Amino acid sequence: KTTAAAIVEAQADLLAAIGEPETAVNKLLTLPPELLSDVEQLFDLLEHYALYHVVRQRLIELATISKERCADLLMNHLDQFKVDTVYEQLAPSAELQLWYLRLLFFRAPEHYTNPDYKRLHARHVELSADLAHLENLPRRNSLSPDEDILANDETDANDDDSELLKFLKWSSFVPLDGAL
């Protein structure tokens, strides 16, 4: 961490302490993600003060800072971060679009299965096939049994099935023949 980054973070602390959390968040977002040492401070300010409007158009930046905290923010505040808006904003990065669709699929299936988002399912399959080699995406095995919508006797019977094939078996929106 550089001295300049430490000064920016100290300024953000002071701004938050004097009742200017939005200015503090904006100050922290001036730092390159790799220089932000207190990621928790940024996300805690966002959630504590409900400053979603400050970052609604900066989701790629937030995901670059911390995918885990960004995922929690997006999934815990689906009313503030609309699916279509988030998906479109992530368009410059196919990896982030896949990351987001997987988040919805695993953590918010009631939103994922909404007929309004049916068109995203084919894109999810396409991205899953194209980017299957990537690491650091939400994985089924990282979920608790309560969150794992794919865990049932039918899908667990054949552990040789890929996650993509399990998704296709589960999905009632993407025809298996057309997707393959």
N, C-alpha and C. Protein backbone atom coordinates (compact mmCIF):
# COMPACT_ATOMS: atom_id res chain seq x y z
N LYS A 1 0.85 -1.18 0.00
CA LYS A 1 0.00 0.00 0.00
C LYS A 1 0.89 1.24 0.00
N THR A 2 0.54 2.19 -0.82
CA THR A 2 1.33 3.41 -0.91
C THR A 2 0.91 4.42 0.14
N THR A 3 1.75 5.39 0.35
CA THR A 3 1.42 6.48 1.28
C THR A 3 0.20 7.23 0.79
N ALA A 4 0.12 7.46 -0.52
CA ALA A 4 -1.02 8.18 -1.08
C ALA A 4 -2.32 7.41 -0.83
N ALA A 5 -2.27 6.09 -0.98
CA ALA A 5 -3.47 5.27 -0.72
C ALA A 5 -3.85 5.33 0.75
N ALA A 6 -2.86 5.31 1.62
CA ALA A 6 -3.14 5.40 3.06
C ALA A 6 -3.79 6.75 3.40
N ILE A 7 -3.34 7.80 2.74
CA ILE A 7 -3.93 9.13 2.98
C ILE A 7 -5.37 9.16 2.50
N VAL A 8 -5.64 8.59 1.33
CA VAL A 8 -7.01 8.56 0.80
C VAL A 8 -7.91 7.77 1.75
N GLU A 9 -7.45 6.63 2.24
CA GLU A 9 -8.26 5.85 3.17
C GLU A 9 -8.48 6.58 4.49
N ALA A 10 -7.48 7.31 4.96
CA ALA A 10 -7.64 8.10 6.19
C ALA A 10 -8.65 9.23 5.96
N GLN A 11 -8.59 9.85 4.79
CA GLN A 11 -9.57 10.89 4.46
C GLN A 11 -10.98 10.30 4.44
N ALA A 12 -11.12 9.12 3.88
CA ALA A 12 -12.43 8.46 3.84
C ALA A 12 -12.93 8.17 5.25
N ASP A 13 -12.04 7.73 6.12
CA ASP A 13 -12.42 7.50 7.52
C ASP A 13 -12.96 8.77 8.16
N LEU A 14 -12.24 9.86 7.94
CA LEU A 14 -12.66 11.15 8.51
C LEU A 14 -13.99 11.61 7.92
N LEU A 15 -14.16 11.46 6.62
CA LEU A 15 -15.42 11.85 5.98
C LEU A 15 -16.59 11.05 6.55
N ALA A 16 -16.39 9.77 6.73
CA ALA A 16 -17.46 8.93 7.30
C ALA A 16 -17.75 9.36 8.73
N ALA A 17 -16.70 9.69 9.48
CA ALA A 17 -16.86 10.07 10.89
C ALA A 17 -17.61 11.40 11.04
N ILE A 18 -17.48 12.30 10.07
CA ILE A 18 -18.17 13.60 10.19
C ILE A 18 -19.52 13.59 9.47
N GLY A 19 -19.97 12.40 9.10
CA GLY A 19 -21.31 12.29 8.53
C GLY A 19 -21.41 12.47 7.04
N GLU A 20 -20.33 12.21 6.33
CA GLU A 20 -20.34 12.31 4.87
C GLU A 20 -19.95 10.96 4.24
N PRO A 21 -20.76 9.93 4.50
CA PRO A 21 -20.38 8.60 4.00
C PRO A 21 -20.36 8.50 2.47
N GLU A 22 -21.24 9.23 1.80
CA GLU A 22 -21.23 9.17 0.33
C GLU A 22 -19.93 9.73 -0.23
N THR A 23 -19.47 10.81 0.33
CA THR A 23 -18.20 11.39 -0.09
C THR A 23 -17.05 10.42 0.24
N ALA A 24 -17.16 9.74 1.37
CA ALA A 24 -16.15 8.76 1.76
C ALA A 24 -16.08 7.62 0.75
N VAL A 25 -17.25 7.12 0.34
CA VAL A 25 -17.28 6.03 -0.65
C VAL A 25 -16.66 6.50 -1.97
N ASN A 26 -17.05 7.68 -2.41
CA ASN A 26 -16.48 8.21 -3.65
C ASN A 26 -14.97 8.39 -3.55
N LYS A 27 -14.51 8.79 -2.38
CA LYS A 27 -13.06 8.95 -2.16
C LYS A 27 -12.36 7.59 -2.27
N LEU A 28 -12.94 6.56 -1.63
CA LEU A 28 -12.34 5.22 -1.70
C LEU A 28 -12.32 4.69 -3.13
N LEU A 29 -13.34 5.02 -3.90
CA LEU A 29 -13.41 4.53 -5.28
C LEU A 29 -12.45 5.24 -6.22
N THR A 30 -11.75 6.26 -5.72
CA THR A 30 -10.72 6.89 -6.55
C THR A 30 -9.44 6.06 -6.57
N LEU A 31 -9.32 5.15 -5.61
CA LEU A 31 -8.13 4.30 -5.55
C LEU A 31 -8.24 3.16 -6.55
N PRO A 32 -7.14 2.79 -7.18
CA PRO A 32 -7.14 1.56 -7.97
C PRO A 32 -7.46 0.38 -7.05
N PRO A 33 -8.23 -0.59 -7.51
CA PRO A 33 -8.65 -1.71 -6.64
C PRO A 33 -7.50 -2.39 -5.90
N GLU A 34 -6.35 -2.51 -6.53
CA GLU A 34 -5.24 -3.20 -5.87
C GLU A 34 -4.63 -2.39 -4.73
N LEU A 35 -4.92 -1.09 -4.66
CA LEU A 35 -4.39 -0.26 -3.57
C LEU A 35 -5.37 -0.08 -2.42
N LEU A 36 -6.59 -0.51 -2.60
CA LEU A 36 -7.60 -0.39 -1.54
C LEU A 36 -7.37 -1.50 -0.52
N SER A 37 -6.86 -1.12 0.64
CA SER A 37 -6.51 -2.14 1.63
C SER A 37 -7.69 -2.52 2.52
N ASP A 38 -8.65 -1.61 2.69
CA ASP A 38 -9.78 -1.90 3.56
C ASP A 38 -11.06 -2.03 2.73
N VAL A 39 -11.16 -3.14 2.05
CA VAL A 39 -12.32 -3.43 1.21
C VAL A 39 -13.59 -3.46 2.05
N GLU A 40 -13.47 -3.99 3.25
CA GLU A 40 -14.64 -4.09 4.14
C GLU A 40 -15.22 -2.71 4.43
N GLN A 41 -14.35 -1.72 4.62
CA GLN A 41 -14.81 -0.36 4.91
C GLN A 41 -15.72 0.14 3.78
N LEU A 42 -15.30 -0.06 2.56
CA LEU A 42 -16.08 0.40 1.41
C LEU A 42 -17.46 -0.25 1.39
N PHE A 43 -17.50 -1.56 1.45
CA PHE A 43 -18.78 -2.26 1.36
C PHE A 43 -19.64 -2.04 2.60
N ASP A 44 -19.01 -1.93 3.75
CA ASP A 44 -19.77 -1.65 4.97
C ASP A 44 -20.44 -0.27 4.90
N LEU A 45 -19.73 0.72 4.38
CA LEU A 45 -20.33 2.04 4.20
C LEU A 45 -21.51 1.98 3.23
N LEU A 46 -21.33 1.27 2.14
CA LEU A 46 -22.39 1.14 1.14
C LEU A 46 -23.66 0.56 1.76
N GLU A 47 -23.49 -0.50 2.53
CA GLU A 47 -24.66 -1.17 3.09
C GLU A 47 -25.22 -0.42 4.30
N HIS A 48 -24.37 0.03 5.18
CA HIS A 48 -24.85 0.71 6.39
C HIS A 48 -25.66 1.96 6.06
N TYR A 49 -25.20 2.71 5.07
CA TYR A 49 -25.87 3.96 4.71
C TYR A 49 -26.75 3.83 3.46
N ALA A 50 -26.93 2.59 2.99
CA ALA A 50 -27.77 2.32 1.81
C ALA A 50 -27.40 3.24 0.64
N LEU A 51 -26.11 3.27 0.32
CA LEU A 51 -25.61 4.15 -0.74
C LEU A 51 -25.55 3.45 -2.09
N TYR A 52 -26.56 2.67 -2.39
CA TYR A 52 -26.57 1.87 -3.61
C TYR A 52 -26.52 2.75 -4.86
N HIS A 53 -27.14 3.90 -4.78
CA HIS A 53 -27.16 4.80 -5.94
C HIS A 53 -25.75 5.26 -6.33
N VAL A 54 -24.83 5.27 -5.39
CA VAL A 54 -23.46 5.71 -5.65
C VAL A 54 -22.73 4.71 -6.54
N VAL A 55 -23.04 3.43 -6.38
CA VAL A 55 -22.29 2.39 -7.11
C VAL A 55 -23.13 1.66 -8.15
N ARG A 56 -24.36 2.04 -8.32
CA ARG A 56 -25.25 1.33 -9.25
C ARG A 56 -24.66 1.26 -10.66
N GLN A 57 -23.90 2.26 -11.06
CA GLN A 57 -23.28 2.28 -12.39
C GLN A 57 -21.79 1.93 -12.34
N ARG A 58 -21.35 1.36 -11.23
CA ARG A 58 -19.92 1.05 -11.07
C ARG A 58 -19.71 -0.40 -10.64
N LEU A 59 -20.54 -1.28 -11.15
CA LEU A 59 -20.51 -2.67 -10.67
C LEU A 59 -19.28 -3.44 -11.13
N ILE A 60 -18.78 -3.14 -12.32
CA ILE A 60 -17.55 -3.81 -12.75
C ILE A 60 -16.42 -3.44 -11.80
N GLU A 61 -16.37 -2.19 -11.43
CA GLU A 61 -15.36 -1.73 -10.49
C GLU A 61 -15.50 -2.42 -9.14
N LEU A 62 -16.74 -2.55 -8.64
CA LEU A 62 -16.96 -3.22 -7.36
C LEU A 62 -16.57 -4.69 -7.43
N ALA A 63 -16.92 -5.36 -8.53
CA ALA A 63 -16.57 -6.77 -8.68
C ALA A 63 -15.05 -6.95 -8.76
N THR A 64 -14.38 -5.99 -9.34
CA THR A 64 -12.92 -6.04 -9.42
C THR A 64 -12.30 -5.88 -8.03
N ILE A 65 -12.92 -5.06 -7.20
CA ILE A 65 -12.42 -4.84 -5.83
C ILE A 65 -12.62 -6.10 -5.00
N SER A 66 -13.84 -6.67 -5.04
CA SER A 66 -14.12 -7.89 -4.28
C SER A 66 -15.36 -8.56 -4.85
N LYS A 67 -15.14 -9.67 -5.54
CA LYS A 67 -16.28 -10.41 -6.10
C LYS A 67 -17.19 -10.92 -4.99
N GLU A 68 -16.58 -11.37 -3.90
CA GLU A 68 -17.38 -11.93 -2.80
C GLU A 68 -18.29 -10.88 -2.19
N ARG A 69 -17.75 -9.72 -1.86
CA ARG A 69 -18.57 -8.67 -1.25
C ARG A 69 -19.55 -8.08 -2.26
N CYS A 70 -19.13 -7.96 -3.51
CA CYS A 70 -20.04 -7.46 -4.55
C CYS A 70 -21.20 -8.44 -4.73
N ALA A 71 -20.92 -9.72 -4.71
CA ALA A 71 -21.96 -10.74 -4.83
C ALA A 71 -22.96 -10.61 -3.69
N ASP A 72 -22.46 -10.45 -2.48
CA ASP A 72 -23.36 -10.30 -1.33
C ASP A 72 -24.21 -9.04 -1.47
N LEU A 73 -23.60 -7.96 -1.90
CA LEU A 73 -24.34 -6.70 -2.08
C LEU A 73 -25.45 -6.87 -3.11
N LEU A 74 -25.10 -7.46 -4.24
CA LEU A 74 -26.10 -7.64 -5.31
C LEU A 74 -27.21 -8.59 -4.90
N MET A 75 -26.87 -9.69 -4.25
CA MET A 75 -27.89 -10.68 -3.89
C MET A 75 -28.73 -10.23 -2.69
N ASN A 76 -28.15 -9.48 -1.78
CA ASN A 76 -28.90 -9.01 -0.62
C ASN A 76 -29.79 -7.82 -0.93
N HIS A 77 -29.56 -7.20 -2.07
CA HIS A 77 -30.31 -5.99 -2.41
C HIS A 77 -30.80 -6.05 -3.85
N LEU A 78 -31.44 -7.15 -4.18
CA LEU A 78 -31.96 -7.33 -5.53
C LEU A 78 -32.99 -6.26 -5.89
N ASP A 79 -33.62 -5.70 -4.89
CA ASP A 79 -34.58 -4.62 -5.16
C ASP A 79 -33.87 -3.34 -5.59
N GLN A 80 -32.62 -3.19 -5.23
CA GLN A 80 -31.86 -2.00 -5.59
C GLN A 80 -31.02 -2.18 -6.86
N PHE A 81 -30.72 -3.44 -7.17
CA PHE A 81 -29.89 -3.75 -8.33
C PHE A 81 -30.69 -4.69 -9.24
N LYS A 82 -31.40 -4.13 -10.17
CA LYS A 82 -32.29 -4.89 -11.05
C LYS A 82 -31.48 -5.82 -11.95
N VAL A 83 -31.99 -7.00 -12.16
CA VAL A 83 -31.29 -8.04 -12.92
C VAL A 83 -30.88 -7.54 -14.30
N ASP A 84 -31.81 -6.99 -15.05
CA ASP A 84 -31.49 -6.52 -16.40
C ASP A 84 -30.40 -5.46 -16.39
N THR A 85 -30.50 -4.54 -15.46
CA THR A 85 -29.54 -3.45 -15.38
C THR A 85 -28.15 -3.96 -15.05
N VAL A 86 -28.07 -4.86 -14.08
CA VAL A 86 -26.78 -5.42 -13.70
C VAL A 86 -26.19 -6.21 -14.87
N TYR A 87 -27.00 -7.06 -15.47
CA TYR A 87 -26.52 -7.89 -16.59
C TYR A 87 -25.98 -7.02 -17.72
N GLU A 88 -26.73 -5.99 -18.09
CA GLU A 88 -26.30 -5.10 -19.18
C GLU A 88 -25.03 -4.35 -18.81
N GLN A 89 -24.94 -3.92 -17.57
CA GLN A 89 -23.75 -3.18 -17.16
C GLN A 89 -22.50 -4.04 -17.21
N LEU A 90 -22.67 -5.33 -16.99
CA LEU A 90 -21.53 -6.25 -17.02
C LEU A 90 -21.17 -6.72 -18.43
N ALA A 91 -21.88 -6.22 -19.43
CA ALA A 91 -21.69 -6.65 -20.83
C ALA A 91 -20.25 -6.56 -21.33
N PRO A 92 -19.45 -5.59 -20.90
CA PRO A 92 -18.07 -5.56 -21.38
C PRO A 92 -17.24 -6.78 -20.96
N SER A 93 -17.73 -7.54 -19.99
CA SER A 93 -16.98 -8.70 -19.50
C SER A 93 -17.86 -9.94 -19.49
N ALA A 94 -17.61 -10.83 -20.45
CA ALA A 94 -18.36 -12.09 -20.49
C ALA A 94 -18.17 -12.88 -19.20
N GLU A 95 -16.96 -12.82 -18.64
CA GLU A 95 -16.69 -13.53 -17.39
C GLU A 95 -17.57 -13.01 -16.26
N LEU A 96 -17.71 -11.68 -16.17
CA LEU A 96 -18.55 -11.12 -15.11
C LEU A 96 -20.03 -11.38 -15.37
N GLN A 97 -20.44 -11.43 -16.62
CA GLN A 97 -21.83 -11.77 -16.91
C GLN A 97 -22.12 -13.21 -16.47
N LEU A 98 -21.20 -14.12 -16.76
CA LEU A 98 -21.38 -15.50 -16.32
C LEU A 98 -21.37 -15.57 -14.80
N TRP A 99 -20.47 -14.87 -14.17
CA TRP A 99 -20.41 -14.82 -12.70
C TRP A 99 -21.75 -14.37 -12.14
N TYR A 100 -22.33 -13.34 -12.70
CA TYR A 100 -23.61 -12.82 -12.21
C TYR A 100 -24.76 -13.80 -12.47
N LEU A 101 -24.81 -14.38 -13.65
CA LEU A 101 -25.88 -15.35 -13.93
C LEU A 101 -25.78 -16.56 -13.00
N ARG A 102 -24.58 -16.99 -12.71
CA ARG A 102 -24.40 -18.11 -11.77
C ARG A 102 -24.83 -17.70 -10.37
N LEU A 103 -24.54 -16.47 -9.98
CA LEU A 103 -25.01 -15.98 -8.67
C LEU A 103 -26.52 -16.07 -8.60
N LEU A 104 -27.18 -15.57 -9.63
CA LEU A 104 -28.64 -15.62 -9.64
C LEU A 104 -29.14 -17.06 -9.58
N PHE A 105 -28.55 -17.91 -10.40
CA PHE A 105 -28.98 -19.30 -10.49
C PHE A 105 -28.86 -20.00 -9.13
N PHE A 106 -27.73 -19.80 -8.46
CA PHE A 106 -27.49 -20.50 -7.20
C PHE A 106 -28.07 -19.80 -5.98
N ARG A 107 -28.05 -18.47 -5.96
CA ARG A 107 -28.43 -17.76 -4.74
C ARG A 107 -29.78 -17.06 -4.80
N ALA A 108 -30.32 -16.88 -5.99
CA ALA A 108 -31.63 -16.23 -6.11
C ALA A 108 -32.45 -16.90 -7.21
N PRO A 109 -32.70 -18.21 -7.06
CA PRO A 109 -33.40 -18.92 -8.13
C PRO A 109 -34.79 -18.36 -8.41
N GLU A 110 -35.42 -17.75 -7.41
CA GLU A 110 -36.75 -17.17 -7.64
C GLU A 110 -36.67 -16.00 -8.62
N HIS A 111 -35.54 -15.33 -8.68
CA HIS A 111 -35.35 -14.27 -9.68
C HIS A 111 -34.89 -14.88 -11.00
N TYR A 112 -33.99 -15.83 -10.91
CA TYR A 112 -33.44 -16.45 -12.12
C TYR A 112 -34.55 -17.08 -12.96
N THR A 113 -35.49 -17.73 -12.30
CA THR A 113 -36.54 -18.45 -13.03
C THR A 113 -37.70 -17.55 -13.44
N ASN A 114 -37.64 -16.28 -13.13
CA ASN A 114 -38.67 -15.34 -13.54
C ASN A 114 -38.75 -15.34 -15.08
N PRO A 115 -39.94 -15.54 -15.64
CA PRO A 115 -40.08 -15.57 -17.10
C PRO A 115 -39.55 -14.31 -17.80
N ASP A 116 -39.49 -13.21 -17.11
CA ASP A 116 -38.94 -11.98 -17.71
C ASP A 116 -37.47 -12.13 -18.09
N TYR A 117 -36.78 -13.08 -17.47
CA TYR A 117 -35.35 -13.25 -17.71
C TYR A 117 -35.05 -14.51 -18.52
N LYS A 118 -36.05 -15.06 -19.14
CA LYS A 118 -35.89 -16.29 -19.91
C LYS A 118 -34.79 -16.16 -20.97
N ARG A 119 -34.69 -15.00 -21.58
CA ARG A 119 -33.69 -14.81 -22.63
C ARG A 119 -32.26 -14.92 -22.10
N LEU A 120 -32.08 -14.73 -20.80
CA LEU A 120 -30.74 -14.84 -20.22
C LEU A 120 -30.29 -16.29 -20.05
N HIS A 121 -31.22 -17.22 -20.05
CA HIS A 121 -30.88 -18.62 -19.81
C HIS A 121 -30.04 -19.19 -20.94
N ALA A 122 -30.41 -18.89 -22.18
CA ALA A 122 -29.62 -19.38 -23.31
C ALA A 122 -28.22 -18.76 -23.27
N ARG A 123 -28.14 -17.50 -22.90
CA ARG A 123 -26.84 -16.83 -22.77
C ARG A 123 -26.02 -17.46 -21.65
N HIS A 124 -26.68 -17.86 -20.57
CA HIS A 124 -26.00 -18.53 -19.47
C HIS A 124 -25.36 -19.84 -19.97
N VAL A 125 -26.11 -20.60 -20.72
CA VAL A 125 -25.58 -21.85 -21.26
C VAL A 125 -24.40 -21.58 -22.18
N GLU A 126 -24.56 -20.60 -23.05
CA GLU A 126 -23.49 -20.26 -23.99
C GLU A 126 -22.23 -19.82 -23.25
N LEU A 127 -22.38 -18.94 -22.29
CA LEU A 127 -21.23 -18.47 -21.52
C LEU A 127 -20.61 -19.60 -20.71
N SER A 128 -21.43 -20.47 -20.14
CA SER A 128 -20.91 -21.61 -19.37
C SER A 128 -20.05 -22.51 -20.23
N ALA A 129 -20.48 -22.74 -21.46
CA ALA A 129 -19.70 -23.58 -22.37
C ALA A 129 -18.42 -22.86 -22.79
N ASP A 130 -18.53 -21.59 -23.13
CA ASP A 130 -17.37 -20.84 -23.61
C ASP A 130 -16.32 -20.61 -22.53
N LEU A 131 -16.77 -20.43 -21.29
CA LEU A 131 -15.87 -20.04 -20.22
C LEU A 131 -15.72 -21.11 -19.14
N ALA A 132 -15.99 -22.35 -19.49
CA ALA A 132 -15.95 -23.44 -18.52
C ALA A 132 -14.58 -23.60 -17.87
N HIS A 133 -13.55 -23.15 -18.53
CA HIS A 133 -12.17 -23.29 -18.03
C HIS A 133 -11.82 -22.30 -16.92
N LEU A 134 -12.65 -21.30 -16.72
CA LEU A 134 -12.32 -20.25 -15.75
C LEU A 134 -12.50 -20.72 -14.31
N GLU A 135 -11.64 -20.22 -13.47
CA GLU A 135 -11.76 -20.43 -12.04
C GLU A 135 -12.45 -19.21 -11.44
N ASN A 136 -12.70 -19.23 -10.16
CA ASN A 136 -13.21 -18.07 -9.42
C ASN A 136 -14.63 -17.68 -9.83
N LEU A 137 -15.43 -18.64 -10.23
CA LEU A 137 -16.84 -18.41 -10.48
C LEU A 137 -17.61 -19.10 -9.35
N PRO A 138 -18.81 -18.63 -9.06
CA PRO A 138 -19.60 -19.34 -8.04
C PRO A 138 -19.75 -20.80 -8.44
N ARG A 139 -19.41 -21.68 -7.57
CA ARG A 139 -19.48 -23.12 -7.85
C ARG A 139 -20.50 -23.77 -6.96
N ARG A 140 -21.07 -24.82 -7.47
CA ARG A 140 -22.07 -25.55 -6.71
C ARG A 140 -21.52 -26.04 -5.39
N ASN A 141 -20.29 -26.54 -5.38
CA ASN A 141 -19.74 -27.11 -4.15
C ASN A 141 -19.39 -26.05 -3.11
N SER A 142 -19.55 -24.77 -3.43
CA SER A 142 -19.29 -23.72 -2.45
C SER A 142 -20.57 -23.30 -1.72
N LEU A 143 -21.68 -23.97 -2.01
CA LEU A 143 -22.96 -23.61 -1.42
C LEU A 143 -23.31 -24.52 -0.25
N SER A 144 -24.08 -23.98 0.66
CA SER A 144 -24.60 -24.81 1.74
C SER A 144 -25.71 -25.68 1.14
N PRO A 145 -26.05 -26.79 1.77
CA PRO A 145 -27.12 -27.64 1.24
C PRO A 145 -28.44 -26.89 1.06
N ASP A 146 -28.71 -25.91 1.91
CA ASP A 146 -29.95 -25.15 1.78
C ASP A 146 -29.97 -24.27 0.54
N GLU A 147 -28.79 -23.81 0.10
CA GLU A 147 -28.70 -22.94 -1.07
C GLU A 147 -28.59 -23.72 -2.37
N ASP A 148 -28.27 -24.99 -2.29
CA ASP A 148 -27.96 -25.78 -3.48
C ASP A 148 -29.24 -26.29 -4.14
N ILE A 149 -29.71 -25.56 -5.14
CA ILE A 149 -30.96 -25.94 -5.80
C ILE A 149 -30.79 -27.15 -6.70
N LEU A 150 -29.56 -27.55 -6.98
CA LEU A 150 -29.34 -28.73 -7.81
C LEU A 150 -29.23 -30.01 -7.00
N ALA A 151 -29.20 -29.90 -5.69
CA ALA A 151 -29.02 -31.08 -4.85
C ALA A 151 -30.35 -31.82 -4.70
N ASN A 152 -30.43 -32.94 -5.37
CA ASN A 152 -31.55 -33.85 -5.19
C ASN A 152 -31.10 -35.21 -5.67
N ASP A 153 -31.93 -36.20 -5.47
CA ASP A 153 -31.52 -37.57 -5.81
C ASP A 153 -31.17 -37.72 -7.28
N GLU A 154 -31.94 -37.07 -8.15
CA GLU A 154 -31.73 -37.24 -9.58
C GLU A 154 -30.38 -36.68 -10.02
N THR A 155 -30.04 -35.46 -9.60
CA THR A 155 -28.80 -34.87 -10.06
C THR A 155 -27.58 -35.42 -9.33
N ASP A 156 -27.76 -35.86 -8.09
CA ASP A 156 -26.63 -36.39 -7.36
C ASP A 156 -26.34 -37.85 -7.72
N ALA A 157 -27.26 -38.49 -8.42
CA ALA A 157 -27.08 -39.91 -8.76
C ALA A 157 -25.90 -40.11 -9.70
N ASN A 158 -25.63 -39.15 -10.57
CA ASN A 158 -24.54 -39.31 -11.51
C ASN A 158 -23.54 -38.19 -11.30
N ASP A 159 -22.54 -38.43 -10.47
CA ASP A 159 -21.54 -37.42 -10.17
C ASP A 159 -20.64 -37.13 -11.36
N ASP A 160 -20.72 -37.93 -12.43
CA ASP A 160 -19.92 -37.69 -13.62
C ASP A 160 -20.49 -36.56 -14.47
N ASP A 161 -21.74 -36.19 -14.23
CA ASP A 161 -22.34 -35.09 -14.99
C ASP A 161 -21.61 -33.79 -14.70
N SER A 162 -21.38 -33.02 -15.73
CA SER A 162 -20.77 -31.71 -15.53
C SER A 162 -21.80 -30.78 -14.90
N GLU A 163 -21.31 -29.72 -14.33
CA GLU A 163 -22.21 -28.73 -13.76
C GLU A 163 -23.13 -28.15 -14.84
N LEU A 164 -22.59 -27.97 -16.05
CA LEU A 164 -23.40 -27.45 -17.15
C LEU A 164 -24.53 -28.41 -17.49
N LEU A 165 -24.25 -29.70 -17.54
CA LEU A 165 -25.29 -30.67 -17.86
C LEU A 165 -26.33 -30.71 -16.74
N LYS A 166 -25.90 -30.61 -15.50
CA LYS A 166 -26.86 -30.56 -14.39
C LYS A 166 -27.75 -29.33 -14.51
N PHE A 167 -27.15 -28.22 -14.91
CA PHE A 167 -27.94 -27.01 -15.12
C PHE A 167 -28.98 -27.24 -16.21
N LEU A 168 -28.57 -27.83 -17.30
CA LEU A 168 -29.50 -28.07 -18.42
C LEU A 168 -30.62 -29.03 -18.02
N LYS A 169 -30.29 -30.04 -17.23
CA LYS A 169 -31.32 -30.96 -16.76
C LYS A 169 -32.32 -30.25 -15.86
N TRP A 170 -31.82 -29.35 -15.03
CA TRP A 170 -32.69 -28.61 -14.12
C TRP A 170 -33.56 -27.61 -14.86
N SER A 171 -32.98 -26.95 -15.84
CA SER A 171 -33.65 -25.82 -16.48
C SER A 171 -34.86 -26.26 -17.30
N SER A 172 -35.98 -25.61 -17.05
CA SER A 172 -37.17 -25.89 -17.86
C SER A 172 -37.30 -24.86 -18.96
N PHE A 173 -36.32 -23.96 -19.07
CA PHE A 173 -36.41 -22.88 -20.05
C PHE A 173 -35.50 -23.08 -21.25
N VAL A 174 -34.48 -23.90 -21.11
CA VAL A 174 -33.54 -24.08 -22.20
C VAL A 174 -33.66 -25.52 -22.70
N PRO A 175 -34.13 -25.71 -23.95
CA PRO A 175 -34.24 -27.08 -24.47
C PRO A 175 -32.85 -27.72 -24.57
N LEU A 176 -32.72 -28.91 -24.01
CA LEU A 176 -31.44 -29.60 -23.98
C LEU A 176 -30.89 -29.80 -25.39
N ASP A 177 -31.72 -30.22 -26.34
CA ASP A 177 -31.24 -30.46 -27.71
C ASP A 177 -30.70 -29.17 -28.33
N GLY A 178 -31.39 -28.07 -28.15
CA GLY A 178 -30.97 -26.82 -28.73
C GLY A 178 -29.72 -26.24 -28.09
N ALA A 179 -29.54 -26.50 -26.82
CA ALA A 179 -28.41 -25.94 -26.10
C ALA A 179 -27.11 -26.67 -26.44
N LEU A 180 -27.21 -27.95 -26.74
CA LEU A 180 -26.01 -28.71 -27.04
C LEU A 180 -25.68 -28.57 -28.49
